[in-house]
Amino acid sequence: MCSPDPTNCFPVLMNILSNTFLRLFNSTARFRVWSQLFYVGESPNLKQYIFFGLLTYLLVLAAGLPPLFAMSSVEDYKVQGRSC
C-alpha cells in the first residue's frame, strides 16, 4: 500500500488515518489524497552549469577586491593616515 519513498508514503498514511478516525466517529465523509511525485529528472549538465557559474562569479569577485584594498592603502598614504 505504501512504497518506501517518503513522498508517497506520508499522504497515503494520512489518508488511511483520517478515514479511520472518520469511520470511528460514524461520519459519512471521506478524504481522498492524491500524491504526485516531484520532478526528479535532472539534467546531466546541471551541476556543471552551476559549478562554472559560481566559479565565474567568484573569479570576478576575487579580481575586484584587491584593488579596493590597494586604493584604501594609497589614500591613507596620501593623507598620512595612521591606525592606532
N, C-alpha and C. Protein backbone atom coordinates (compact mmCIF):
# COMPACT_ATOMS: atom_id res chain seq x y z
N MET A 1 0.82 -1.19 0.00
CA MET A 1 0.00 0.00 0.00
C MET A 1 0.87 1.26 0.00
N CYS A 2 2.05 1.15 0.55
CA CYS A 2 2.92 2.32 0.65
C CYS A 2 4.33 1.92 0.26
N SER A 3 4.88 2.64 -0.68
CA SER A 3 6.25 2.35 -1.09
C SER A 3 7.21 2.97 -0.09
N PRO A 4 8.47 2.58 -0.11
CA PRO A 4 9.44 3.15 0.84
C PRO A 4 9.77 4.61 0.55
N ASP A 5 9.34 5.13 -0.56
CA ASP A 5 9.60 6.51 -0.90
C ASP A 5 8.76 7.43 0.00
N PRO A 6 9.38 8.33 0.79
CA PRO A 6 8.61 9.13 1.74
C PRO A 6 7.65 10.12 1.10
N THR A 7 7.88 10.50 -0.15
CA THR A 7 6.95 11.45 -0.78
C THR A 7 5.61 10.79 -1.07
N ASN A 8 5.59 9.49 -1.24
CA ASN A 8 4.33 8.79 -1.46
C ASN A 8 3.75 8.26 -0.17
N CYS A 9 4.59 7.91 0.78
CA CYS A 9 4.13 7.22 1.97
C CYS A 9 3.34 8.14 2.90
N PHE A 10 3.77 9.37 3.09
CA PHE A 10 3.11 10.26 4.03
C PHE A 10 1.66 10.59 3.62
N PRO A 11 1.39 10.97 2.37
CA PRO A 11 -0.01 11.22 2.01
C PRO A 11 -0.89 9.98 2.14
N VAL A 12 -0.36 8.82 1.81
CA VAL A 12 -1.15 7.59 1.94
C VAL A 12 -1.43 7.31 3.41
N LEU A 13 -0.45 7.48 4.26
CA LEU A 13 -0.63 7.28 5.69
C LEU A 13 -1.65 8.25 6.27
N MET A 14 -1.58 9.51 5.88
CA MET A 14 -2.55 10.49 6.37
C MET A 14 -3.96 10.16 5.87
N ASN A 15 -4.08 9.67 4.67
CA ASN A 15 -5.37 9.28 4.13
C ASN A 15 -5.96 8.12 4.94
N ILE A 16 -5.14 7.13 5.22
CA ILE A 16 -5.62 5.97 5.99
C ILE A 16 -6.03 6.38 7.39
N LEU A 17 -5.18 7.16 8.05
CA LEU A 17 -5.51 7.58 9.42
C LEU A 17 -6.74 8.47 9.47
N SER A 18 -6.85 9.41 8.56
CA SER A 18 -8.00 10.32 8.56
C SER A 18 -9.30 9.56 8.32
N ASN A 19 -9.28 8.67 7.36
CA ASN A 19 -10.50 7.90 7.08
C ASN A 19 -10.84 6.95 8.22
N THR A 20 -9.83 6.43 8.90
CA THR A 20 -10.09 5.56 10.06
C THR A 20 -10.76 6.35 11.17
N PHE A 21 -10.25 7.54 11.46
CA PHE A 21 -10.88 8.36 12.50
C PHE A 21 -12.28 8.79 12.11
N LEU A 22 -12.50 9.07 10.84
CA LEU A 22 -13.85 9.43 10.41
C LEU A 22 -14.81 8.26 10.59
N ARG A 23 -14.36 7.06 10.30
CA ARG A 23 -15.22 5.88 10.49
C ARG A 23 -15.50 5.65 11.97
N LEU A 24 -14.52 5.90 12.82
CA LEU A 24 -14.72 5.72 14.26
C LEU A 24 -15.80 6.65 14.80
N PHE A 25 -15.91 7.83 14.23
CA PHE A 25 -16.90 8.79 14.68
C PHE A 25 -18.18 8.75 13.85
N ASN A 26 -18.38 7.67 13.11
CA ASN A 26 -19.60 7.43 12.31
C ASN A 26 -19.89 8.55 11.32
N SER A 27 -18.87 9.03 10.69
CA SER A 27 -19.04 10.07 9.69
C SER A 27 -19.15 9.42 8.31
N THR A 28 -19.90 10.07 7.44
CA THR A 28 -20.04 9.55 6.08
C THR A 28 -19.02 10.20 5.14
N ALA A 29 -18.35 11.23 5.60
CA ALA A 29 -17.36 11.92 4.76
C ALA A 29 -16.09 11.08 4.68
N ARG A 30 -15.38 11.24 3.56
CA ARG A 30 -14.13 10.53 3.36
C ARG A 30 -13.11 11.49 2.75
N PHE A 31 -11.88 11.27 3.08
CA PHE A 31 -10.78 12.01 2.48
C PHE A 31 -10.23 11.23 1.30
N ARG A 32 -9.87 11.96 0.27
CA ARG A 32 -9.14 11.35 -0.83
C ARG A 32 -7.88 12.17 -1.04
N VAL A 33 -6.78 11.49 -1.10
CA VAL A 33 -5.49 12.17 -1.23
C VAL A 33 -4.84 11.74 -2.53
N TRP A 34 -4.36 12.73 -3.27
CA TRP A 34 -3.59 12.44 -4.47
C TRP A 34 -2.15 12.83 -4.21
N SER A 35 -1.30 12.01 -4.64
CA SER A 35 0.13 12.28 -4.46
C SER A 35 0.81 12.23 -5.81
N GLN A 36 1.43 13.35 -6.17
CA GLN A 36 2.21 13.38 -7.40
C GLN A 36 3.67 13.51 -7.01
N LEU A 37 4.49 12.76 -7.68
CA LEU A 37 5.92 12.80 -7.39
C LEU A 37 6.52 14.12 -7.82
N PHE A 38 7.54 14.52 -7.11
CA PHE A 38 8.31 15.67 -7.53
C PHE A 38 9.05 15.31 -8.80
N TYR A 39 9.36 16.33 -9.57
CA TYR A 39 10.13 16.08 -10.78
C TYR A 39 11.55 15.75 -10.36
N VAL A 40 11.95 14.52 -10.57
CA VAL A 40 13.27 14.09 -10.16
C VAL A 40 14.25 14.02 -11.33
N GLY A 41 13.76 14.27 -12.51
CA GLY A 41 14.65 14.24 -13.66
C GLY A 41 15.63 15.39 -13.57
N GLU A 42 16.86 15.11 -13.75
CA GLU A 42 17.89 16.14 -13.61
C GLU A 42 18.75 16.14 -14.86
N SER A 43 19.00 17.31 -15.34
CA SER A 43 19.87 17.44 -16.50
C SER A 43 21.28 16.98 -16.10
N PRO A 44 21.92 16.17 -16.91
CA PRO A 44 23.26 15.71 -16.54
C PRO A 44 24.27 16.85 -16.47
N ASN A 45 23.99 17.94 -17.14
CA ASN A 45 24.93 19.07 -17.15
C ASN A 45 24.57 20.14 -16.13
N LEU A 46 23.51 19.94 -15.35
CA LEU A 46 23.05 20.97 -14.42
C LEU A 46 24.11 21.29 -13.37
N LYS A 47 24.72 20.29 -12.79
CA LYS A 47 25.75 20.53 -11.77
C LYS A 47 26.96 21.24 -12.38
N GLN A 48 27.26 20.90 -13.61
CA GLN A 48 28.39 21.53 -14.29
C GLN A 48 28.09 23.01 -14.55
N TYR A 49 26.85 23.34 -14.96
CA TYR A 49 26.47 24.74 -15.18
C TYR A 49 26.54 25.53 -13.88
N ILE A 50 26.05 24.95 -12.81
CA ILE A 50 26.07 25.63 -11.52
C ILE A 50 27.51 25.85 -11.07
N PHE A 51 28.34 24.83 -11.21
CA PHE A 51 29.74 24.95 -10.80
C PHE A 51 30.44 26.06 -11.55
N PHE A 52 30.32 26.07 -12.88
CA PHE A 52 31.02 27.08 -13.67
C PHE A 52 30.43 28.47 -13.46
N GLY A 53 29.15 28.57 -13.20
CA GLY A 53 28.55 29.86 -12.90
C GLY A 53 29.08 30.42 -11.60
N LEU A 54 29.15 29.59 -10.56
CA LEU A 54 29.69 30.05 -9.28
C LEU A 54 31.18 30.34 -9.38
N LEU A 55 31.90 29.54 -10.14
CA LEU A 55 33.33 29.78 -10.32
C LEU A 55 33.57 31.12 -11.01
N THR A 56 32.80 31.42 -12.02
CA THR A 56 32.93 32.70 -12.72
C THR A 56 32.63 33.86 -11.78
N TYR A 57 31.58 33.71 -10.98
CA TYR A 57 31.21 34.76 -10.02
C TYR A 57 32.34 34.98 -9.02
N LEU A 58 32.92 33.91 -8.50
CA LEU A 58 33.99 34.05 -7.53
C LEU A 58 35.25 34.65 -8.14
N LEU A 59 35.54 34.31 -9.39
CA LEU A 59 36.71 34.89 -10.04
C LEU A 59 36.54 36.38 -10.27
N VAL A 60 35.35 36.80 -10.65
CA VAL A 60 35.09 38.23 -10.83
C VAL A 60 35.18 38.95 -9.49
N LEU A 61 34.64 38.33 -8.46
CA LEU A 61 34.71 38.91 -7.12
C LEU A 61 36.15 39.00 -6.64
N ALA A 62 36.92 37.94 -6.86
CA ALA A 62 38.31 37.93 -6.43
C ALA A 62 39.14 38.94 -7.21
N ALA A 63 38.79 39.17 -8.46
CA ALA A 63 39.53 40.15 -9.25
C ALA A 63 39.18 41.58 -8.85
N GLY A 64 38.01 41.79 -8.28
CA GLY A 64 37.58 43.14 -7.93
C GLY A 64 37.95 43.57 -6.53
N LEU A 65 38.23 42.66 -5.62
CA LEU A 65 38.50 43.03 -4.24
C LEU A 65 39.90 43.61 -4.00
N PRO A 66 40.96 43.04 -4.53
CA PRO A 66 42.30 43.60 -4.25
C PRO A 66 42.46 45.08 -4.61
N PRO A 67 41.90 45.56 -5.73
CA PRO A 67 42.02 47.00 -5.99
C PRO A 67 41.37 47.86 -4.91
N LEU A 68 40.33 47.36 -4.29
CA LEU A 68 39.69 48.13 -3.21
C LEU A 68 40.65 48.31 -2.04
N PHE A 69 41.32 47.25 -1.66
CA PHE A 69 42.28 47.34 -0.57
C PHE A 69 43.46 48.22 -0.95
N ALA A 70 43.91 48.11 -2.19
CA ALA A 70 45.04 48.91 -2.64
C ALA A 70 44.68 50.39 -2.65
N MET A 71 43.48 50.72 -3.11
CA MET A 71 43.07 52.13 -3.14
C MET A 71 42.96 52.69 -1.74
N SER A 72 42.49 51.88 -0.82
CA SER A 72 42.38 52.32 0.56
C SER A 72 43.77 52.62 1.12
N SER A 73 44.75 51.78 0.85
CA SER A 73 46.11 51.99 1.34
C SER A 73 46.74 53.23 0.70
N VAL A 74 46.51 53.43 -0.58
CA VAL A 74 47.06 54.60 -1.27
C VAL A 74 46.46 55.88 -0.70
N GLU A 75 45.17 55.86 -0.44
CA GLU A 75 44.51 57.03 0.13
C GLU A 75 45.05 57.34 1.52
N ASP A 76 45.27 56.31 2.33
CA ASP A 76 45.86 56.51 3.66
C ASP A 76 47.28 57.08 3.54
N TYR A 77 48.01 56.64 2.56
CA TYR A 77 49.38 57.13 2.37
C TYR A 77 49.37 58.61 1.98
N LYS A 78 48.41 59.00 1.14
CA LYS A 78 48.36 60.39 0.68
C LYS A 78 48.03 61.35 1.83
N VAL A 79 47.11 60.93 2.70
CA VAL A 79 46.70 61.84 3.78
C VAL A 79 47.50 61.60 5.04
N GLN A 80 48.49 60.74 4.96
CA GLN A 80 49.34 60.38 6.10
C GLN A 80 48.53 59.84 7.26
N GLY A 81 47.52 59.03 6.93
CA GLY A 81 46.69 58.44 7.97
C GLY A 81 47.40 57.25 8.60
N ARG A 82 47.25 57.13 9.92
CA ARG A 82 47.86 56.02 10.64
C ARG A 82 46.80 55.36 11.52
N SER A 83 46.91 54.08 11.65
CA SER A 83 45.99 53.39 12.55
C SER A 83 46.62 53.28 13.93
N CYS A 84 45.81 53.37 14.96
CA CYS A 84 46.33 53.32 16.33
C CYS A 84 46.43 51.91 16.85
